[in-house]
Amino acid sequence: MLMAKKINFLLPRSYISNIIMVNKELDNANEILGKAISSDEQIDKETFYRPSKVSQNYLRENFGEKTDCPSFFQQYIVPEYEVRVYYLLGNILSLKIFSKIQYTDIRDVSKQHLSIEFFSIPSIISSKIIRYCKFLNISYCSFDFIYRNGSYYLIDITPNGSWRFYDTNDIITDWMANILINHEY
């Protein structure tokens, strides 16, 4: 996220630590989202840590305690909708995702409560995504945004982001296959 900040993506206030603390970045945040920094959200053999809301009170009551792995604490923004963007070899495909129910992590919402449609993200966002991937020499990556009050907040970057959950009729898979088949190596 540090590189994303340098490229001027709009980011929710956040901090990373393995020690629970009250942080000035999140002092005025009504709700805070905690995420383990782990590729599969598995902290140890028995513990999985899905993104969850934590309160300022929780942070104060557990101040100074260590977590099992570094965690990313981020201001929770209630979305009007979410956007998932796939970047592959200079190409961009974006999805607008609406939920009919409230949620903390959109991956926990069943498909029957989601409305997913393809759409074009603003060119300023796509140019930042391309710049980010080219600077880091990334061929494939997914980006998650929250749209709220006319702004796109970047909330997650995943260099191995999955697409199957959102892929109705293999449209995303076909898009990726066509790029890979036709790309000049």
C-alpha atoms as a PDB file:
ATOM      1  CA  MET A   1       0.000   0.000   0.000  1.00  0.00           C
ATOM      2  CA  LEU A   2       3.000   2.277   0.444  1.00  0.00           C
ATOM      3  CA  MET A   3       3.635   2.223  -3.297  1.00  0.00           C
ATOM      4  CA  ALA A   4      -0.076   2.818  -3.941  1.00  0.00           C
ATOM      5  CA  LYS A   5       0.129   5.880  -1.706  1.00  0.00           C
ATOM      6  CA  LYS A   6       3.107   7.174  -3.705  1.00  0.00           C
ATOM      7  CA  ILE A   7       1.067   6.822  -6.912  1.00  0.00           C
ATOM      8  CA  ASN A   8      -1.722   8.849  -5.261  1.00  0.00           C
ATOM      9  CA  PHE A   9      -4.440   6.241  -4.956  1.00  0.00           C
ATOM     10  CA  LEU A  10      -7.068   7.355  -2.457  1.00  0.00           C
ATOM     11  CA  LEU A  11      -6.572   5.093   0.584  1.00  0.00           C
ATOM     12  CA  PRO A  12      -8.532   4.694   3.802  1.00  0.00           C
ATOM     13  CA  ARG A  13      -6.552   5.665   6.883  1.00  0.00           C
ATOM     14  CA  SER A  14      -4.588   2.658   8.119  1.00  0.00           C
ATOM     15  CA  TYR A  15      -1.569   1.230   9.905  1.00  0.00           C
ATOM     16  CA  ILE A  16       0.292  -2.094  10.113  1.00  0.00           C
ATOM     17  CA  SER A  17       1.485  -3.640  13.354  1.00  0.00           C
ATOM     18  CA  ASN A  18       1.716  -6.850  15.345  1.00  0.00           C
ATOM     19  CA  ILE A  19       1.000  -4.858  18.509  1.00  0.00           C
ATOM     20  CA  ILE A  20      -2.526  -3.668  19.233  1.00  0.00           C
ATOM     21  CA  MET A  21      -2.522   0.071  19.717  1.00  0.00           C
ATOM     22  CA  VAL A  22      -4.655   3.126  19.401  1.00  0.00           C
ATOM     23  CA  ASN A  23      -3.213   4.906  16.399  1.00  0.00           C
ATOM     24  CA  LYS A  24      -3.634   8.568  15.449  1.00  0.00           C
ATOM     25  CA  GLU A  25      -4.408   7.484  11.862  1.00  0.00           C
ATOM     26  CA  LEU A  26      -7.617   5.856  13.077  1.00  0.00           C
ATOM     27  CA  ASP A  27      -8.561   8.138  16.005  1.00  0.00           C
ATOM     28  CA  ASN A  28     -11.721   9.446  14.353  1.00  0.00           C
ATOM     29  CA  ALA A  29     -12.672   6.299  12.449  1.00  0.00           C
ATOM     30  CA  ASN A  30     -16.101   5.060  13.508  1.00  0.00           C
ATOM     31  CA  GLU A  31     -15.328   1.500  12.478  1.00  0.00           C
ATOM     32  CA  ILE A  32     -12.012  -0.216  11.875  1.00  0.00           C
ATOM     33  CA  LEU A  33     -11.313  -3.314   9.820  1.00  0.00           C
ATOM     34  CA  GLY A  34      -8.562  -5.683  10.971  1.00  0.00           C
ATOM     35  CA  LYS A  35      -6.899  -8.032   8.471  1.00  0.00           C
ATOM     36  CA  ALA A  36      -4.095 -10.514   9.041  1.00  0.00           C
ATOM     37  CA  ILE A  37      -1.167 -10.033   6.694  1.00  0.00           C
ATOM     38  CA  SER A  38      -1.013 -13.575   5.418  1.00  0.00           C
ATOM     39  CA  SER A  39      -1.384 -14.997   1.936  1.00  0.00           C
ATOM     40  CA  ASP A  40      -4.108 -17.424   2.958  1.00  0.00           C
ATOM     41  CA  GLU A  41      -5.430 -15.795   6.150  1.00  0.00           C
ATOM     42  CA  GLN A  42      -4.202 -18.811   8.088  1.00  0.00           C
ATOM     43  CA  ILE A  43      -2.169 -17.757  11.083  1.00  0.00           C
ATOM     44  CA  ASP A  44      -1.389 -21.237  12.391  1.00  0.00           C
ATOM     45  CA  LYS A  45      -2.765 -24.788  11.975  1.00  0.00           C
ATOM     46  CA  GLU A  46      -6.030 -23.965  13.731  1.00  0.00           C
ATOM     47  CA  THR A  47      -6.532 -20.228  13.346  1.00  0.00           C
ATOM     48  CA  PHE A  48      -7.946 -18.426  10.337  1.00  0.00           C
ATOM     49  CA  TYR A  49      -8.321 -14.685  10.563  1.00  0.00           C
ATOM     50  CA  ARG A  50     -10.898 -13.245   8.223  1.00  0.00           C
ATOM     51  CA  PRO A  51     -11.168  -9.471   7.984  1.00  0.00           C
ATOM     52  CA  SER A  52     -13.325  -8.302  10.861  1.00  0.00           C
ATOM     53  CA  LYS A  53     -14.486  -5.063  12.415  1.00  0.00           C
ATOM     54  CA  VAL A  54     -12.799  -3.954  15.606  1.00  0.00           C
ATOM     55  CA  SER A  55     -13.843  -1.036  17.748  1.00  0.00           C
ATOM     56  CA  GLN A  56     -11.822   1.792  19.232  1.00  0.00           C
ATOM     57  CA  ASN A  57     -12.789   0.304  22.632  1.00  0.00           C
ATOM     58  CA  TYR A  58     -11.267  -3.057  21.667  1.00  0.00           C
ATOM     59  CA  LEU A  59      -8.050  -1.317  20.660  1.00  0.00           C
ATOM     60  CA  ARG A  60      -7.944   0.594  23.952  1.00  0.00           C
ATOM     61  CA  GLU A  61      -8.767  -2.468  26.095  1.00  0.00           C
ATOM     62  CA  ASN A  62      -6.134  -4.624  24.368  1.00  0.00           C
ATOM     63  CA  PHE A  63      -3.535  -1.891  23.969  1.00  0.00           C
ATOM     64  CA  GLY A  64       0.010  -3.273  23.868  1.00  0.00           C
ATOM     65  CA  GLU A  65      -0.933  -6.921  23.314  1.00  0.00           C
ATOM     66  CA  LYS A  66       0.825  -8.733  20.492  1.00  0.00           C
ATOM     67  CA  THR A  67      -1.017 -10.484  17.669  1.00  0.00           C
ATOM     68  CA  ASP A  68       0.104 -13.811  16.183  1.00  0.00           C
ATOM     69  CA  CYS A  69       1.036 -12.172  12.895  1.00  0.00           C
ATOM     70  CA  PRO A  70       1.248  -8.611  11.574  1.00  0.00           C
ATOM     71  CA  SER A  71      -2.172  -7.098  11.025  1.00  0.00           C
ATOM     72  CA  PHE A  72      -3.429  -4.356   8.778  1.00  0.00           C
ATOM     73  CA  PHE A  73      -5.853  -2.013  10.542  1.00  0.00           C
ATOM     74  CA  GLN A  74      -7.863   0.117   8.153  1.00  0.00           C
ATOM     75  CA  GLN A  75     -10.680   2.621   8.417  1.00  0.00           C
ATOM     76  CA  TYR A  76     -13.901   0.804   7.486  1.00  0.00           C
ATOM     77  CA  ILE A  77     -15.830   2.634   4.781  1.00  0.00           C
ATOM     78  CA  VAL A  78     -19.426   1.639   4.172  1.00  0.00           C
ATOM     79  CA  PRO A  79     -19.571   1.108   0.407  1.00  0.00           C
ATOM     80  CA  GLU A  80     -22.188   2.219  -2.058  1.00  0.00           C
ATOM     81  CA  TYR A  81     -20.632  -0.570  -4.125  1.00  0.00           C
ATOM     82  CA  GLU A  82     -17.295  -2.328  -4.560  1.00  0.00           C
ATOM     83  CA  VAL A  83     -15.106  -2.540  -7.626  1.00  0.00           C
ATOM     84  CA  ARG A  84     -12.813  -5.455  -8.478  1.00  0.00           C
ATOM     85  CA  VAL A  85     -10.239  -4.652 -11.152  1.00  0.00           C
ATOM     86  CA  TYR A  86      -8.101  -7.241 -12.904  1.00  0.00           C
ATOM     87  CA  TYR A  87      -4.843  -6.213 -14.530  1.00  0.00           C
ATOM     88  CA  LEU A  88      -3.230  -8.628 -16.970  1.00  0.00           C
ATOM     89  CA  LEU A  89      -0.270  -7.709 -19.200  1.00  0.00           C
ATOM     90  CA  GLY A  90      -1.351  -4.080 -19.585  1.00  0.00           C
ATOM     91  CA  ASN A  91      -5.077  -4.851 -19.969  1.00  0.00           C
ATOM     92  CA  ILE A  92      -7.795  -3.969 -17.462  1.00  0.00           C
ATOM     93  CA  LEU A  93     -11.168  -5.537 -16.750  1.00  0.00           C
ATOM     94  CA  SER A  94     -13.371  -4.116 -13.992  1.00  0.00           C
ATOM     95  CA  LEU A  95     -16.486  -5.273 -12.195  1.00  0.00           C
ATOM     96  CA  LYS A  96     -18.994  -3.254 -10.204  1.00  0.00           C
ATOM     97  CA  ILE A  97     -20.307  -5.324  -7.292  1.00  0.00           C
ATOM     98  CA  PHE A  98     -23.459  -4.407  -5.379  1.00  0.00           C
ATOM     99  CA  SER A  99     -24.626  -6.253  -2.281  1.00  0.00           C
ATOM    100  CA  LYS A 100     -28.271  -6.433  -1.247  1.00  0.00           C
ATOM    101  CA  ILE A 101     -27.221  -7.039   2.370  1.00  0.00           C
ATOM    102  CA  GLN A 102     -24.734  -5.423   4.750  1.00  0.00           C
ATOM    103  CA  TYR A 103     -21.351  -7.102   5.140  1.00  0.00           C
ATOM    104  CA  THR A 104     -17.847  -6.712   6.496  1.00  0.00           C
ATOM    105  CA  ASP A 105     -16.068  -8.687   3.752  1.00  0.00           C
ATOM    106  CA  ILE A 106     -17.796  -9.052   0.391  1.00  0.00           C
ATOM    107  CA  ARG A 107     -16.383 -12.568   0.029  1.00  0.00           C
ATOM    108  CA  ASP A 108     -18.751 -13.602   2.821  1.00  0.00           C
ATOM    109  CA  VAL A 109     -21.834 -12.540   0.838  1.00  0.00           C
ATOM    110  CA  SER A 110     -23.478 -15.351  -1.124  1.00  0.00           C
ATOM    111  CA  LYS A 111     -23.849 -14.816  -4.862  1.00  0.00           C
ATOM    112  CA  GLN A 112     -27.630 -14.661  -4.569  1.00  0.00           C
ATOM    113  CA  HIS A 113     -27.249 -11.359  -2.681  1.00  0.00           C
ATOM    114  CA  LEU A 114     -24.810  -9.834  -5.174  1.00  0.00           C
ATOM    115  CA  SER A 115     -25.290  -7.985  -8.405  1.00  0.00           C
ATOM    116  CA  ILE A 116     -22.170  -8.032 -10.581  1.00  0.00           C
ATOM    117  CA  GLU A 117     -21.732  -6.074 -13.796  1.00  0.00           C
ATOM    118  CA  PHE A 118     -18.853  -5.117 -16.060  1.00  0.00           C
ATOM    119  CA  PHE A 119     -18.089  -1.423 -16.336  1.00  0.00           C
ATOM    120  CA  SER A 120     -15.317   1.032 -17.176  1.00  0.00           C
ATOM    121  CA  ILE A 121     -13.480   2.554 -14.279  1.00  0.00           C
ATOM    122  CA  PRO A 122     -12.423   6.196 -14.598  1.00  0.00           C
ATOM    123  CA  SER A 123      -9.286   6.616 -16.692  1.00  0.00           C
ATOM    124  CA  ILE A 124      -7.436   8.247 -13.801  1.00  0.00           C
ATOM    125  CA  ILE A 125      -7.845   5.002 -11.803  1.00  0.00           C
ATOM    126  CA  SER A 126      -6.854   2.723 -14.691  1.00  0.00           C
ATOM    127  CA  SER A 127      -3.754   4.813 -15.416  1.00  0.00           C
ATOM    128  CA  LYS A 128      -2.684   4.519 -11.754  1.00  0.00           C
ATOM    129  CA  ILE A 129      -3.192   0.740 -11.875  1.00  0.00           C
ATOM    130  CA  ILE A 130      -1.080   0.441 -15.026  1.00  0.00           C
ATOM    131  CA  ARG A 131       1.616   2.667 -13.517  1.00  0.00           C
ATOM    132  CA  TYR A 132       1.634   0.628 -10.301  1.00  0.00           C
ATOM    133  CA  CYS A 133       1.959  -2.716 -12.115  1.00  0.00           C
ATOM    134  CA  LYS A 134       4.596  -1.492 -14.550  1.00  0.00           C
ATOM    135  CA  PHE A 135       6.680   0.065 -11.783  1.00  0.00           C
ATOM    136  CA  LEU A 136       6.644  -3.207  -9.814  1.00  0.00           C
ATOM    137  CA  ASN A 137       6.955  -5.324 -12.990  1.00  0.00           C
ATOM    138  CA  ILE A 138       3.733  -7.208 -12.218  1.00  0.00           C
ATOM    139  CA  SER A 139       2.047  -9.126 -15.048  1.00  0.00           C
ATOM    140  CA  TYR A 140      -1.143  -9.971 -13.159  1.00  0.00           C
ATOM    141  CA  CYS A 141      -2.829  -8.371 -10.165  1.00  0.00           C
ATOM    142  CA  SER A 142      -6.276  -7.593  -8.771  1.00  0.00           C
ATOM    143  CA  PHE A 143      -7.328  -4.392  -7.047  1.00  0.00           C
ATOM    144  CA  ASP A 144     -10.312  -3.867  -4.762  1.00  0.00           C
ATOM    145  CA  PHE A 145     -11.971  -0.488  -4.359  1.00  0.00           C
ATOM    146  CA  ILE A 146     -14.830   0.848  -2.266  1.00  0.00           C
ATOM    147  CA  TYR A 147     -16.920   3.486  -4.010  1.00  0.00           C
ATOM    148  CA  ARG A 148     -18.399   6.041  -1.627  1.00  0.00           C
ATOM    149  CA  ASN A 149     -19.601   9.617  -2.164  1.00  0.00           C
ATOM    150  CA  GLY A 150     -18.004   9.967  -5.600  1.00  0.00           C
ATOM    151  CA  SER A 151     -14.603   8.563  -4.569  1.00  0.00           C
ATOM    152  CA  TYR A 152     -12.827   5.266  -5.191  1.00  0.00           C
ATOM    153  CA  TYR A 153     -10.900   4.083  -2.117  1.00  0.00           C
ATOM    154  CA  LEU A 154      -8.286   1.413  -2.780  1.00  0.00           C
ATOM    155  CA  ILE A 155      -8.702  -1.171  -0.012  1.00  0.00           C
ATOM    156  CA  ASP A 156      -6.690  -4.154  -1.220  1.00  0.00           C
ATOM    157  CA  ILE A 157      -4.117  -5.219  -3.796  1.00  0.00           C
ATOM    158  CA  THR A 158      -3.659  -8.924  -4.472  1.00  0.00           C
ATOM    159  CA  PRO A 159      -0.961 -10.172  -6.863  1.00  0.00           C
ATOM    160  CA  ASN A 160      -2.676 -13.573  -6.980  1.00  0.00           C
ATOM    161  CA  GLY A 161      -6.300 -12.359  -6.884  1.00  0.00           C
ATOM    162  CA  SER A 162      -8.892 -14.963  -7.776  1.00  0.00           C
ATOM    163  CA  TRP A 163     -11.722 -14.424 -10.231  1.00  0.00           C
ATOM    164  CA  ARG A 164     -13.774 -17.626 -10.239  1.00  0.00           C
ATOM    165  CA  PHE A 165     -16.316 -16.354  -7.696  1.00  0.00           C
ATOM    166  CA  TYR A 166     -17.217 -13.433  -9.981  1.00  0.00           C
ATOM    167  CA  ASP A 167     -16.879 -15.259 -13.299  1.00  0.00           C
ATOM    168  CA  THR A 168     -20.362 -15.738 -14.725  1.00  0.00           C
ATOM    169  CA  ASN A 169     -20.318 -17.764 -17.938  1.00  0.00           C
ATOM    170  CA  ASP A 170     -16.483 -17.811 -18.003  1.00  0.00           C
ATOM    171  CA  ILE A 171     -16.302 -14.244 -19.330  1.00  0.00           C
ATOM    172  CA  ILE A 172     -13.315 -13.331 -17.132  1.00  0.00           C
ATOM    173  CA  THR A 173     -11.573 -16.633 -17.864  1.00  0.00           C
ATOM    174  CA  ASP A 174     -12.059 -16.101 -21.613  1.00  0.00           C
ATOM    175  CA  TRP A 175     -10.793 -12.497 -21.337  1.00  0.00           C
ATOM    176  CA  MET A 176      -7.630 -13.741 -19.619  1.00  0.00           C
ATOM    177  CA  ALA A 177      -7.133 -16.639 -22.019  1.00  0.00           C
ATOM    178  CA  ASN A 178      -7.424 -14.362 -25.049  1.00  0.00           C
ATOM    179  CA  ILE A 179      -4.839 -11.959 -23.639  1.00  0.00           C
ATOM    180  CA  LEU A 180      -2.422 -14.795 -22.835  1.00  0.00           C
ATOM    181  CA  ILE A 181      -2.903 -16.462 -26.241  1.00  0.00           C
ATOM    182  CA  ASN A 182      -2.448 -13.230 -28.198  1.00  0.00           C
ATOM    183  CA  HIS A 183       0.327 -11.673 -26.113  1.00  0.00           C
ATOM    184  CA  GLU A 184       3.699 -11.338 -27.829  1.00  0.00           C
ATOM    185  CA  TYR A 185       6.373 -12.827 -25.595  1.00  0.00           C
END
